[in-house]
């Protein structure tokens, strides 16, 4: 190990009050520190992100099992993973190569095919197409590489064969293959207390053993392999596909927290056995569940799901993303109209701010502009604080709160009834806030239909503002009441007006 890296690690443990790594089963990678810290379930603490190349990272996400439509529980997971990926790329200049696995052969897909009398491949293609359409509508970036189980049977066979040859797996009389957990001393590193494994059957040696390959059953699709006919087990799919794409070492492996055990635990075990290494994935990213009030989580089995198309009929993709940004990616998020309304109001506040800045800097008054060093100093502090938040396990909630407070304080200067005029700092502030929000995946756009009607609303709001100022000067209560009626009617059609002495601005509230 390089001497400077050894010194860095000792300082890191002292400054950040980290547990000694020798007492955990997480191994700090050799390479280049990025300055980022991320929670790792193996170490059970935030650990430094160290990459072989400080500007190149590999990332694999467990994708959907395509047997049904995706719901907003899936959406919250993939939106949050998209946010984390964008942070790595946009804020820390990491060239992230992303891959996602699609499970297109599985018990649930086979069952759906039998129930609907449809070929399993048709079922899988239909729901995969729908999934990518949903992801696009949520402004989730498509992965660089997409791997489908049905297209990698050969790689899966070779992967299993090597584990069998190393005597870490055994073939049973029905043509199935099981991983022998009793021969893997590190089993349980991701999830320390397993109370149960896959059910015991007539073929398994140990309760915690899991299927790498399932022997052929009547009426089910199967593929011929050297030890018999059948199909892949669930866990082996990701390991074989990731290894084919990224080799023996993976930087980031991501999915919902429900995948931590048994799926990710089993992936890590069989991949370490295949590559003869102590650690396969360096950083596990697990996203908390989306809950419906009163339920443990949103799931099809509980019949409490809301489809992504249903969500987008009521709220914009930006509003849902803002709700995700205002929560911690690792913890559960409770879905409710109140939560969405809070996110929508936060988004509106930013949009109001951008419009108010535009009006402010185009002020036709005769006073000369000034730089205002305090505003520029405050901007620099906010930039530094937000980078610090994002470095600490992608703390977007603190980042959004910090931005909200900043624009609120800046707005007081914009709305102040005096002759102060600071166009340059205001533009720099608006540009910074816009850049951060765009880099987090918000679009900040209105629809084409909204853009057409927007010009009409602009004219109406400007006219109302002129009338309102005239009424204030004359203290004409009837005219002021008429202005209030116009404002309330606009609100009824989802247009909110924000008044000040200098100007009136508006935003859509849907």
Protein backbone atom coordinates (compact mmCIF):
# COMPACT_ATOMS: atom_id res chain seq x y z
CA UNK A 1 0.00 0.00 0.00
CA UNK A 2 1.23 3.48 -0.87
CA UNK A 3 2.51 5.35 2.21
CA UNK A 4 0.43 8.50 1.54
CA UNK A 5 -2.75 6.41 1.27
CA UNK A 6 -1.98 4.69 4.59
CA UNK A 7 -1.58 8.10 6.25
CA UNK A 8 -4.84 9.28 4.61
CA UNK A 9 -6.73 6.27 5.98
CA UNK A 10 -5.46 6.82 9.54
CA UNK A 11 -6.41 10.50 9.41
CA UNK A 12 -9.79 9.61 7.93
CA UNK A 13 -10.64 7.24 10.78
CA UNK A 14 -9.62 9.85 13.38
CA UNK A 15 -11.31 12.90 11.85
CA UNK A 16 -14.57 11.18 10.91
CA UNK A 17 -14.76 9.01 14.04
CA UNK A 18 -14.99 5.86 11.94
CA UNK A 19 -15.01 2.40 13.45
CA UNK A 20 -11.76 0.48 12.88
CA UNK A 21 -12.11 -1.26 9.54
CA UNK A 22 -10.33 -4.38 10.80
CA UNK A 23 -13.38 -4.98 13.01
CA UNK A 24 -15.72 -5.07 10.02
CA UNK A 25 -15.88 -7.22 6.93
CA UNK A 26 -15.64 -4.27 4.58
CA UNK A 27 -12.25 -3.81 2.96
CA UNK A 28 -11.19 -0.28 2.05
CA UNK A 29 -10.28 -0.37 -1.65
CA UNK A 30 -6.88 0.64 -2.93
CA UNK A 31 -6.98 3.63 -5.22
CA UNK A 32 -7.81 7.33 -5.21
CA UNK A 33 -10.03 9.02 -2.57
CA UNK A 34 -12.82 11.12 -4.10
CA UNK A 35 -13.70 13.10 -0.97
CA UNK A 36 -17.14 11.46 -0.90
CA UNK A 37 -18.52 9.36 1.95
CA UNK A 38 -21.33 6.83 1.54
CA UNK A 39 -23.10 4.53 3.98
CA UNK A 40 -22.02 0.92 3.53
CA UNK A 41 -24.12 -1.85 5.07
CA UNK A 42 -21.12 -4.17 5.44
CA UNK A 43 -19.14 -1.63 7.48
CA UNK A 44 -22.39 -0.30 9.04
CA UNK A 45 -21.15 3.28 8.75
CA UNK A 46 -20.25 5.95 6.24
CA UNK A 47 -17.05 5.04 4.45
CA UNK A 48 -14.84 6.96 2.02
CA UNK A 49 -15.44 6.42 -1.69
CA UNK A 50 -12.15 5.30 -3.24
CA UNK A 51 -11.94 4.52 -6.95
CA UNK A 52 -9.14 2.96 -8.99
CA UNK A 53 -9.33 6.03 -11.21
CA UNK A 54 -10.60 9.13 -9.35
CA UNK A 55 -12.83 10.09 -12.29
CA UNK A 56 -14.15 6.70 -13.48
CA UNK A 57 -16.69 4.54 -11.66
CA UNK A 58 -18.71 1.39 -12.44
CA UNK A 59 -22.33 1.10 -11.32
CA UNK A 60 -24.86 -1.73 -11.52
CA UNK A 61 -28.54 -1.44 -10.59
CA UNK A 62 -30.85 -4.40 -10.11
CA UNK A 63 -33.62 -3.77 -12.61
CA UNK A 64 -37.23 -4.94 -12.65
CA UNK A 65 -38.70 -8.38 -13.03
CA UNK A 66 -40.90 -7.54 -16.00
CA UNK A 67 -44.19 -9.32 -15.28
CA UNK A 68 -46.42 -6.32 -14.46
CA UNK A 69 -46.63 -2.53 -14.59
CA UNK A 70 -44.25 -0.54 -12.39
CA UNK A 71 -45.73 1.45 -9.50
CA UNK A 72 -44.55 4.53 -7.63
CA UNK A 73 -42.66 2.40 -5.11
CA UNK A 74 -40.43 1.37 -8.01
CA UNK A 75 -40.42 4.98 -9.22
CA UNK A 76 -39.10 6.32 -5.90
CA UNK A 77 -36.27 3.77 -5.94
CA UNK A 78 -35.16 4.52 -9.49
CA UNK A 79 -35.60 8.30 -9.15
CA UNK A 80 -33.42 8.29 -6.03
CA UNK A 81 -30.77 6.14 -7.72
CA UNK A 82 -30.89 8.50 -10.70
CA UNK A 83 -30.30 11.42 -8.32
CA UNK A 84 -27.28 9.72 -6.74
CA UNK A 85 -25.82 8.94 -10.16
CA UNK A 86 -26.32 12.55 -11.28
CA UNK A 87 -24.56 13.80 -8.14
CA UNK A 88 -21.54 11.59 -8.82
CA UNK A 89 -21.38 12.76 -12.44
CA UNK A 90 -22.33 16.44 -12.20
CA UNK A 91 -20.96 17.52 -8.83
CA UNK A 92 -17.89 15.28 -8.54
CA UNK A 93 -16.93 14.81 -12.19
CA UNK A 94 -17.00 11.01 -12.05
CA UNK A 95 -17.45 9.33 -15.42
CA UNK A 96 -19.96 6.72 -14.36
CA UNK A 97 -20.50 3.66 -16.54
CA UNK A 98 -23.94 2.36 -15.58
CA UNK A 99 -25.55 -1.01 -16.20
CA UNK A 100 -28.94 -2.47 -15.29
CA UNK A 101 -30.12 -6.05 -15.35
CA UNK A 102 -33.61 -6.98 -16.57
CA UNK A 103 -35.07 -10.21 -15.22
CA UNK A 104 -37.08 -11.45 -18.20
CA UNK A 105 -37.39 -15.08 -17.08
CA UNK A 106 -38.80 -15.78 -13.61
CA UNK A 107 -41.54 -17.67 -11.75
CA UNK A 108 -43.87 -14.62 -11.84
CA UNK A 109 -43.38 -14.10 -15.59
CA UNK A 110 -44.04 -17.80 -16.26
CA UNK A 111 -47.17 -17.69 -14.06
CA UNK A 112 -48.45 -14.58 -15.85
CA UNK A 113 -47.89 -16.26 -19.21
CA UNK A 114 -49.82 -19.36 -18.12
CA UNK A 115 -52.70 -17.27 -16.70
CA UNK A 116 -53.00 -15.13 -19.85
CA UNK A 117 -52.08 -17.94 -22.30
CA UNK A 118 -49.25 -15.76 -23.60
CA UNK A 119 -45.63 -16.68 -24.32
CA UNK A 120 -43.38 -15.57 -21.44
CA UNK A 121 -41.15 -13.65 -23.86
CA UNK A 122 -44.10 -11.56 -25.05
CA UNK A 123 -45.03 -10.77 -21.43
CA UNK A 124 -41.47 -9.70 -20.65
CA UNK A 125 -41.11 -7.51 -23.74
CA UNK A 126 -44.43 -5.79 -23.13
CA UNK A 127 -43.67 -4.80 -19.54
CA UNK A 128 -40.05 -3.93 -20.23
CA UNK A 129 -41.19 -1.47 -22.94
CA UNK A 130 -43.67 0.03 -20.45
CA UNK A 131 -40.95 0.27 -17.79
CA UNK A 132 -38.60 2.29 -20.00
CA UNK A 133 -41.47 4.57 -21.01
CA UNK A 134 -42.24 5.20 -17.32
CA UNK A 135 -38.57 5.89 -16.59
CA UNK A 136 -38.41 8.39 -19.47
CA UNK A 137 -41.54 10.17 -18.22
CA UNK A 138 -39.83 10.51 -14.81
CA UNK A 139 -36.68 11.97 -16.46
CA UNK A 140 -34.57 9.03 -15.34
CA UNK A 141 -31.45 8.60 -17.44
CA UNK A 142 -31.24 5.26 -19.22
CA UNK A 143 -28.26 3.10 -18.20
CA UNK A 144 -25.29 2.84 -20.54
CA UNK A 145 -25.66 -0.96 -20.68
CA UNK A 146 -28.82 -3.09 -20.39
CA UNK A 147 -28.44 -6.82 -19.76
CA UNK A 148 -31.31 -9.30 -20.04
CA UNK A 149 -31.16 -12.73 -18.43
CA UNK A 150 -32.48 -14.57 -21.51
CA UNK A 151 -29.59 -13.13 -23.57
CA UNK A 152 -26.86 -14.29 -21.13
CA UNK A 153 -27.66 -17.95 -20.49
CA UNK A 154 -24.20 -18.97 -21.80
CA UNK A 155 -22.42 -16.59 -19.40
CA UNK A 156 -24.57 -17.83 -16.52
CA UNK A 157 -23.75 -21.46 -17.35
CA UNK A 158 -20.00 -20.76 -17.37
CA UNK A 159 -20.28 -18.82 -14.10
CA UNK A 160 -22.07 -21.69 -12.35
CA UNK A 161 -19.73 -24.28 -13.83
CA UNK A 162 -16.68 -22.57 -12.34
CA UNK A 163 -18.30 -22.46 -8.88
CA UNK A 164 -19.18 -26.16 -9.14
CA UNK A 165 -15.58 -26.98 -10.11
CA UNK A 166 -14.31 -25.06 -7.09
CA UNK A 167 -16.60 -27.27 -4.92
CA UNK A 168 -18.48 -24.21 -3.61
CA UNK A 169 -21.68 -25.49 -5.24
CA UNK A 170 -23.27 -28.92 -5.77
CA UNK A 171 -25.56 -30.47 -8.38
CA UNK A 172 -28.65 -32.28 -7.12
CA UNK A 173 -30.50 -35.26 -8.58
CA UNK A 174 -33.21 -33.08 -10.13
CA UNK A 175 -30.64 -31.09 -12.15
CA UNK A 176 -30.61 -28.08 -9.82
CA UNK A 177 -27.43 -26.45 -8.52
CA UNK A 178 -27.09 -24.98 -5.02
CA UNK A 179 -24.44 -22.73 -3.52
CA UNK A 180 -22.93 -24.36 -0.43
CA UNK A 181 -23.01 -21.59 2.20
CA UNK A 182 -21.22 -23.79 4.74
CA UNK A 183 -18.07 -23.48 2.60
CA UNK A 184 -18.19 -19.68 2.43
CA UNK A 185 -17.06 -18.33 5.79
CA UNK A 186 -18.06 -14.73 5.04
CA UNK A 187 -21.69 -15.53 4.32
CA UNK A 188 -23.85 -13.00 6.16
CA UNK A 189 -21.57 -9.97 5.70
CA UNK A 190 -24.36 -7.77 4.26
CA UNK A 191 -27.05 -8.91 6.66
CA UNK A 192 -25.64 -10.03 9.98
CA UNK A 193 -28.65 -11.82 11.50
CA UNK A 194 -30.38 -14.24 9.17
CA UNK A 195 -33.30 -15.89 10.89
CA UNK A 196 -34.30 -17.83 7.82
CA UNK A 197 -33.11 -18.78 4.39
CA UNK A 198 -34.84 -20.36 1.44
CA UNK A 199 -37.03 -23.27 2.60
CA UNK A 200 -35.41 -26.66 3.07
CA UNK A 201 -36.23 -29.26 0.45
CA UNK A 202 -35.18 -32.82 -0.36
CA UNK A 203 -32.08 -31.65 -2.24
CA UNK A 204 -30.47 -28.87 -0.14
CA UNK A 205 -27.67 -29.64 2.31
CA UNK A 206 -28.12 -26.50 4.46
CA UNK A 207 -31.04 -24.18 5.13
CA UNK A 208 -29.14 -21.10 3.91
CA UNK A 209 -28.05 -22.72 0.61
CA UNK A 210 -29.62 -21.05 -2.41
CA UNK A 211 -30.32 -22.09 -5.98
CA UNK A 212 -27.91 -21.11 -8.74
CA UNK A 213 -29.83 -23.18 -11.26
CA UNK A 214 -33.32 -24.68 -11.15
CA UNK A 215 -33.86 -28.10 -12.70
CA UNK A 216 -36.41 -28.41 -15.49
CA UNK A 217 -40.08 -28.62 -14.54
CA UNK A 218 -42.91 -29.70 -16.89
CA UNK A 219 -44.45 -26.86 -18.86
CA UNK A 220 -41.73 -24.32 -17.98
CA UNK A 221 -39.15 -22.81 -20.34
CA UNK A 222 -35.68 -24.32 -20.00
CA UNK A 223 -32.19 -24.32 -21.48
CA UNK A 224 -29.78 -27.27 -21.87
CA UNK A 225 -26.51 -27.02 -19.92
CA UNK A 226 -23.67 -29.41 -19.18
CA UNK A 227 -25.20 -30.74 -15.92
CA UNK A 228 -28.82 -30.93 -17.12
CA UNK A 229 -31.71 -28.84 -18.42
CA UNK A 230 -33.37 -25.98 -16.52
CA UNK A 231 -33.19 -22.22 -15.97
CA UNK A 232 -31.18 -19.74 -13.88
CA UNK A 233 -31.90 -18.97 -10.24
CA UNK A 234 -32.65 -15.35 -9.42
CA UNK A 235 -29.41 -14.38 -7.65
CA UNK A 236 -26.96 -15.78 -10.18
CA UNK A 237 -28.30 -13.61 -12.99
CA UNK A 238 -26.87 -10.31 -11.73
CA UNK A 239 -23.52 -11.78 -10.71
CA UNK A 240 -22.90 -13.38 -14.11
CA UNK A 241 -24.05 -10.34 -16.10
CA UNK A 242 -22.10 -7.85 -13.98
CA UNK A 243 -18.96 -9.97 -14.17
CA UNK A 244 -19.24 -10.17 -17.94
CA UNK A 245 -19.50 -6.37 -18.20
CA UNK A 246 -17.26 -5.14 -15.36
CA UNK A 247 -15.00 -8.07 -14.48
CA UNK A 248 -13.95 -9.09 -10.98
CA UNK A 249 -14.49 -5.75 -9.22
CA UNK A 250 -17.51 -3.43 -9.08
CA UNK A 251 -17.57 0.03 -7.53
CA UNK A 252 -21.29 0.59 -6.86
CA UNK A 253 -24.10 -1.95 -6.65
CA UNK A 254 -27.59 -0.52 -6.10
CA UNK A 255 -31.18 -1.54 -5.46
CA UNK A 256 -34.01 -1.35 -2.95
CA UNK A 257 -33.30 -2.12 0.70
CA UNK A 258 -35.43 -5.28 0.40
CA UNK A 259 -32.74 -6.70 -1.91
CA UNK A 260 -30.03 -6.51 0.77
CA UNK A 261 -30.98 -10.01 1.89
CA UNK A 262 -31.11 -12.51 0.37
CA UNK A 263 -30.46 -11.17 -3.15
CA UNK A 264 -27.39 -8.98 -2.63
CA UNK A 265 -26.01 -11.23 0.10
CA UNK A 266 -26.13 -14.16 -2.29
CA UNK A 267 -24.71 -12.13 -5.16
CA UNK A 268 -21.70 -11.14 -3.05
CA UNK A 269 -21.11 -14.71 -1.86
CA UNK A 270 -21.24 -16.40 -5.27
CA UNK A 271 -19.25 -13.59 -6.96
CA UNK A 272 -16.47 -13.78 -4.37
CA UNK A 273 -16.41 -17.54 -4.85
CA UNK A 274 -16.26 -17.18 -8.65
CA UNK A 275 -13.53 -14.50 -8.65
CA UNK A 276 -11.68 -15.98 -5.64
CA UNK A 277 -11.72 -12.60 -3.90
CA UNK A 278 -12.67 -11.30 -0.45
CA UNK A 279 -14.79 -8.41 -1.75
CA UNK A 280 -16.70 -8.07 -5.01
CA UNK A 281 -18.80 -4.90 -4.76
CA UNK A 282 -17.09 -2.08 -2.85
CA UNK A 283 -20.17 0.09 -2.20
CA UNK A 284 -23.74 -1.11 -1.72
CA UNK A 285 -26.40 1.57 -2.28
CA UNK A 286 -29.76 0.61 -0.78
CA UNK A 287 -32.88 2.76 -1.16
CA UNK A 288 -35.58 2.85 1.52
CA UNK A 289 -39.14 1.78 0.75
CA UNK A 290 -41.97 4.06 -0.26
CA UNK A 291 -44.72 3.59 2.31
CA UNK A 292 -48.43 4.18 2.06
CA UNK A 293 -49.77 5.55 5.32
CA UNK A 294 -50.53 2.63 7.62
CA UNK A 295 -48.72 0.04 5.49
CA UNK A 296 -45.21 -1.33 5.77
CA UNK A 297 -44.44 -0.57 2.14
CA UNK A 298 -46.05 -0.19 -1.26
CA UNK A 299 -46.26 -3.57 -2.95
CA UNK A 300 -48.41 -5.49 -5.38
CA UNK A 301 -49.02 -8.21 -2.78
CA UNK A 302 -50.62 -5.63 -0.44
CA UNK A 303 -52.70 -4.25 -3.32
CA UNK A 304 -51.88 -0.70 -2.30
CA UNK A 305 -50.01 0.36 -5.40
CA UNK A 306 -50.40 3.51 -7.48
CA UNK A 307 -49.19 3.23 -11.05
CA UNK A 308 -46.68 5.72 -12.42
CA UNK A 309 -49.20 6.88 -15.05
CA UNK A 310 -51.75 7.54 -12.28
CA UNK A 311 -49.19 9.57 -10.37
CA UNK A 312 -48.32 11.69 -13.41
CA UNK A 313 -51.98 12.46 -14.08
CA UNK A 314 -52.10 14.31 -10.76
CA UNK A 315 -48.54 15.54 -10.21
CA UNK A 316 -45.61 16.42 -12.45
CA UNK A 317 -42.43 14.33 -12.63
CA UNK A 318 -40.59 17.36 -11.18
CA UNK A 319 -42.90 17.40 -8.14
CA UNK A 320 -42.30 13.69 -7.46
CA UNK A 321 -38.55 14.15 -7.89
CA UNK A 322 -38.61 17.11 -5.50
CA UNK A 323 -40.36 14.89 -2.92
CA UNK A 324 -37.54 12.35 -3.36
CA UNK A 325 -34.90 15.09 -3.04
CA UNK A 326 -36.47 16.31 0.21
CA UNK A 327 -36.06 12.87 1.80
CA UNK A 328 -33.00 10.76 2.59
CA UNK A 329 -32.50 8.07 -0.05
CA UNK A 330 -31.72 5.41 2.58
CA UNK A 331 -34.81 5.86 4.73
CA UNK A 332 -38.49 5.07 4.17
CA UNK A 333 -40.61 7.75 2.51
CA UNK A 334 -44.32 8.00 3.28
CA UNK A 335 -46.41 8.83 0.25
CA UNK A 336 -49.35 11.18 0.81
CA UNK A 337 -51.04 14.14 -0.83
CA UNK A 338 -49.61 16.32 1.95
CA UNK A 339 -46.07 15.20 1.11
CA UNK A 340 -46.63 15.89 -2.57
CA UNK A 341 -48.19 19.30 -1.90
CA UNK A 342 -45.18 20.27 0.22
CA UNK A 343 -42.87 19.23 -2.62
CA UNK A 344 -45.02 21.13 -5.12
CA UNK A 345 -44.91 24.29 -3.00
CA UNK A 346 -41.13 24.02 -2.69
CA UNK A 347 -40.84 23.70 -6.46
CA UNK A 348 -43.15 26.69 -6.93
CA UNK A 349 -41.01 28.78 -4.59
CA UNK A 350 -37.98 28.17 -6.82
CA UNK A 351 -39.96 29.01 -9.96
CA UNK A 352 -41.28 32.22 -8.37
CA UNK A 353 -37.73 33.16 -7.44
CA UNK A 354 -36.45 32.73 -11.00
CA UNK A 355 -39.28 34.88 -12.38
CA UNK A 356 -38.79 37.53 -9.68
CA UNK A 357 -35.07 37.73 -10.47
CA UNK A 358 -35.86 38.14 -14.16
CA UNK A 359 -38.21 41.04 -13.41
CA UNK A 360 -35.76 42.55 -10.91
CA UNK A 361 -32.72 42.61 -13.21
CA UNK A 362 -34.78 44.08 -16.05
CA UNK A 363 -35.96 46.92 -13.81
CA UNK A 364 -36.28 50.11 -15.87
CA UNK A 365 -35.60 52.41 -12.91
CA UNK A 366 -32.66 54.78 -13.27
CA UNK A 367 -30.48 53.68 -10.33
CA UNK A 368 -27.09 52.11 -11.10
CA UNK A 369 -26.34 48.53 -10.17
CA UNK A 370 -23.88 47.43 -7.49
CA UNK A 371 -22.12 44.13 -6.74
CA UNK A 372 -23.05 43.73 -3.04
CA UNK A 373 -20.15 41.76 -1.55
CA UNK A 374 -22.34 40.26 1.17
CA UNK A 375 -24.62 38.60 -1.39
CA UNK A 376 -21.61 37.18 -3.22
CA UNK A 377 -20.10 35.95 0.07
CA UNK A 378 -23.42 34.30 0.98
CA UNK A 379 -23.49 32.60 -2.42
CA UNK A 380 -20.00 31.22 -1.89
CA UNK A 381 -20.97 29.90 1.56
CA UNK A 382 -24.06 28.18 0.17
CA UNK A 383 -22.02 26.57 -2.61
CA UNK A 384 -19.52 25.26 -0.04
CA UNK A 385 -22.27 24.00 2.31
CA UNK A 386 -24.15 22.20 -0.44
CA UNK A 387 -21.02 20.45 -1.67
CA UNK A 388 -20.38 19.36 1.92
CA UNK A 389 -23.94 17.99 2.20
CA UNK A 390 -23.67 16.04 -1.04
CA UNK A 391 -20.26 14.64 -0.05
CA UNK A 392 -21.85 13.19 3.09
CA UNK A 393 -23.90 10.28 1.74
CA UNK A 394 -25.71 12.37 -0.90
CA UNK A 395 -27.65 14.51 1.60
CA UNK A 396 -30.05 16.14 -0.86
CA UNK A 397 -32.61 17.04 1.83
CA UNK A 398 -30.14 19.42 3.52
CA UNK A 399 -29.08 20.76 0.13
CA UNK A 400 -32.68 21.62 -0.88
CA UNK A 401 -33.40 23.14 2.53
CA UNK A 402 -30.23 25.24 2.26
CA UNK A 403 -31.24 26.48 -1.21
CA UNK A 404 -34.77 27.27 -0.02
CA UNK A 405 -33.48 29.36 2.87
CA UNK A 406 -31.03 31.12 0.55
CA UNK A 407 -33.64 32.17 -2.01
CA UNK A 408 -35.97 33.23 0.82
CA UNK A 409 -33.32 35.58 2.22
CA UNK A 410 -32.42 36.82 -1.27
CA UNK A 411 -36.09 37.48 -2.00
CA UNK A 412 -36.22 39.94 0.88
CA UNK A 413 -33.72 42.11 -1.00
CA UNK A 414 -35.67 41.75 -4.25
CA UNK A 415 -38.94 42.72 -2.56
CA UNK A 416 -37.43 45.55 -0.47
CA UNK A 417 -39.06 48.91 -1.19
CA UNK A 418 -35.85 50.91 -1.66
CA UNK A 419 -33.44 52.00 -4.38
CA UNK A 420 -30.90 49.17 -3.94
CA UNK A 421 -30.16 47.38 -7.20
CA UNK A 422 -27.83 44.36 -7.48
CA UNK A 423 -28.34 42.75 -10.91
CA UNK A 424 -25.01 40.89 -11.15
CA UNK A 425 -25.23 39.02 -7.80
CA UNK A 426 -28.88 38.18 -8.48
CA UNK A 427 -28.07 36.65 -11.86
CA UNK A 428 -25.19 34.65 -10.34
CA UNK A 429 -27.45 33.38 -7.54
CA UNK A 430 -30.27 32.42 -9.92
CA UNK A 431 -27.79 30.72 -12.25
CA UNK A 432 -26.27 28.70 -9.40
CA UNK A 433 -29.64 27.58 -8.00
CA UNK A 434 -30.88 26.66 -11.49
CA UNK A 435 -27.71 24.67 -12.21
CA UNK A 436 -27.99 22.70 -8.95
CA UNK A 437 -31.65 21.82 -9.56
CA UNK A 438 -31.02 20.81 -13.18
CA UNK A 439 -28.02 18.69 -12.12
CA UNK A 440 -30.29 16.88 -9.65
CA UNK A 441 -32.60 15.95 -12.53
CA UNK A 442 -35.37 18.55 -12.31
CA UNK A 443 -36.45 19.90 -15.70
CA UNK A 444 -38.07 23.18 -14.49
CA UNK A 445 -40.07 23.16 -17.72
CA UNK A 446 -43.71 23.73 -18.50
CA UNK A 447 -45.58 21.79 -21.16
CA UNK A 448 -46.01 23.16 -24.70
CA UNK A 449 -49.66 23.86 -23.96
CA UNK A 450 -48.62 25.76 -20.82
CA UNK A 451 -46.14 27.82 -22.86
CA UNK A 452 -48.91 28.93 -25.25
CA UNK A 453 -51.30 29.88 -22.46
CA UNK A 454 -48.40 31.39 -20.52
CA UNK A 455 -48.10 34.38 -22.82
CA UNK A 456 -51.80 35.16 -22.26
CA UNK A 457 -51.40 34.83 -18.50
CA UNK A 458 -48.31 37.10 -18.65
CA UNK A 459 -50.42 39.81 -20.28
CA UNK A 460 -53.24 39.40 -17.75
CA UNK A 461 -50.92 39.40 -14.71
CA UNK A 462 -49.05 42.48 -16.00
CA UNK A 463 -52.33 44.32 -16.59
CA UNK A 464 -53.62 43.34 -13.13
CA UNK A 465 -50.36 44.54 -11.56
CA UNK A 466 -50.73 47.97 -13.20
CA UNK A 467 -54.34 48.24 -12.03
CA UNK A 468 -53.40 47.06 -8.51
CA UNK A 469 -50.61 49.64 -8.13
CA UNK A 470 -52.99 52.35 -9.31
CA UNK A 471 -55.61 51.18 -6.79
CA UNK A 472 -53.05 51.17 -3.97
CA UNK A 473 -52.01 54.73 -4.81
CA UNK A 474 -55.63 55.90 -4.86
CA UNK A 475 -56.62 53.64 -1.93
CA UNK A 476 -59.47 52.33 -4.07
CA UNK A 477 -60.84 49.35 -2.11
CA UNK A 478 -63.31 48.31 -4.82
CA UNK A 479 -60.57 48.08 -7.42
CA UNK A 480 -58.30 46.20 -4.99
CA UNK A 481 -61.13 43.75 -4.32
CA UNK A 482 -61.53 43.28 -8.08
CA UNK A 483 -57.79 42.49 -8.33
CA UNK A 484 -58.19 39.92 -5.55
CA UNK A 485 -61.07 38.30 -7.43
CA UNK A 486 -58.86 37.96 -10.54
CA UNK A 487 -56.07 36.45 -8.41
CA UNK A 488 -58.48 33.93 -6.83
CA UNK A 489 -59.92 32.94 -10.20
CA UNK A 490 -56.44 32.37 -11.55
CA UNK A 491 -55.66 30.21 -8.51
CA UNK A 492 -58.78 28.14 -9.27
CA UNK A 493 -57.30 27.25 -12.67
CA UNK A 494 -53.95 26.30 -11.08
CA UNK A 495 -52.15 29.64 -11.61
CA UNK A 496 -50.72 31.22 -8.46
CA UNK A 497 -49.87 34.93 -8.46
CA UNK A 498 -47.25 36.43 -6.16
CA UNK A 499 -47.60 40.19 -5.63
CA UNK A 500 -45.03 42.79 -4.59
CA UNK A 501 -44.76 46.56 -4.97
CA UNK A 502 -42.23 46.18 -7.80
CA UNK A 503 -43.92 43.42 -9.79
CA UNK A 504 -46.26 40.44 -9.86
CA UNK A 505 -45.07 36.98 -10.87
CA UNK A 506 -46.91 33.72 -11.37
CA UNK A 507 -46.38 29.95 -11.67
CA UNK A 508 -48.49 26.92 -12.54
CA UNK A 509 -49.39 24.92 -9.44
CA UNK A 510 -50.07 21.57 -11.12
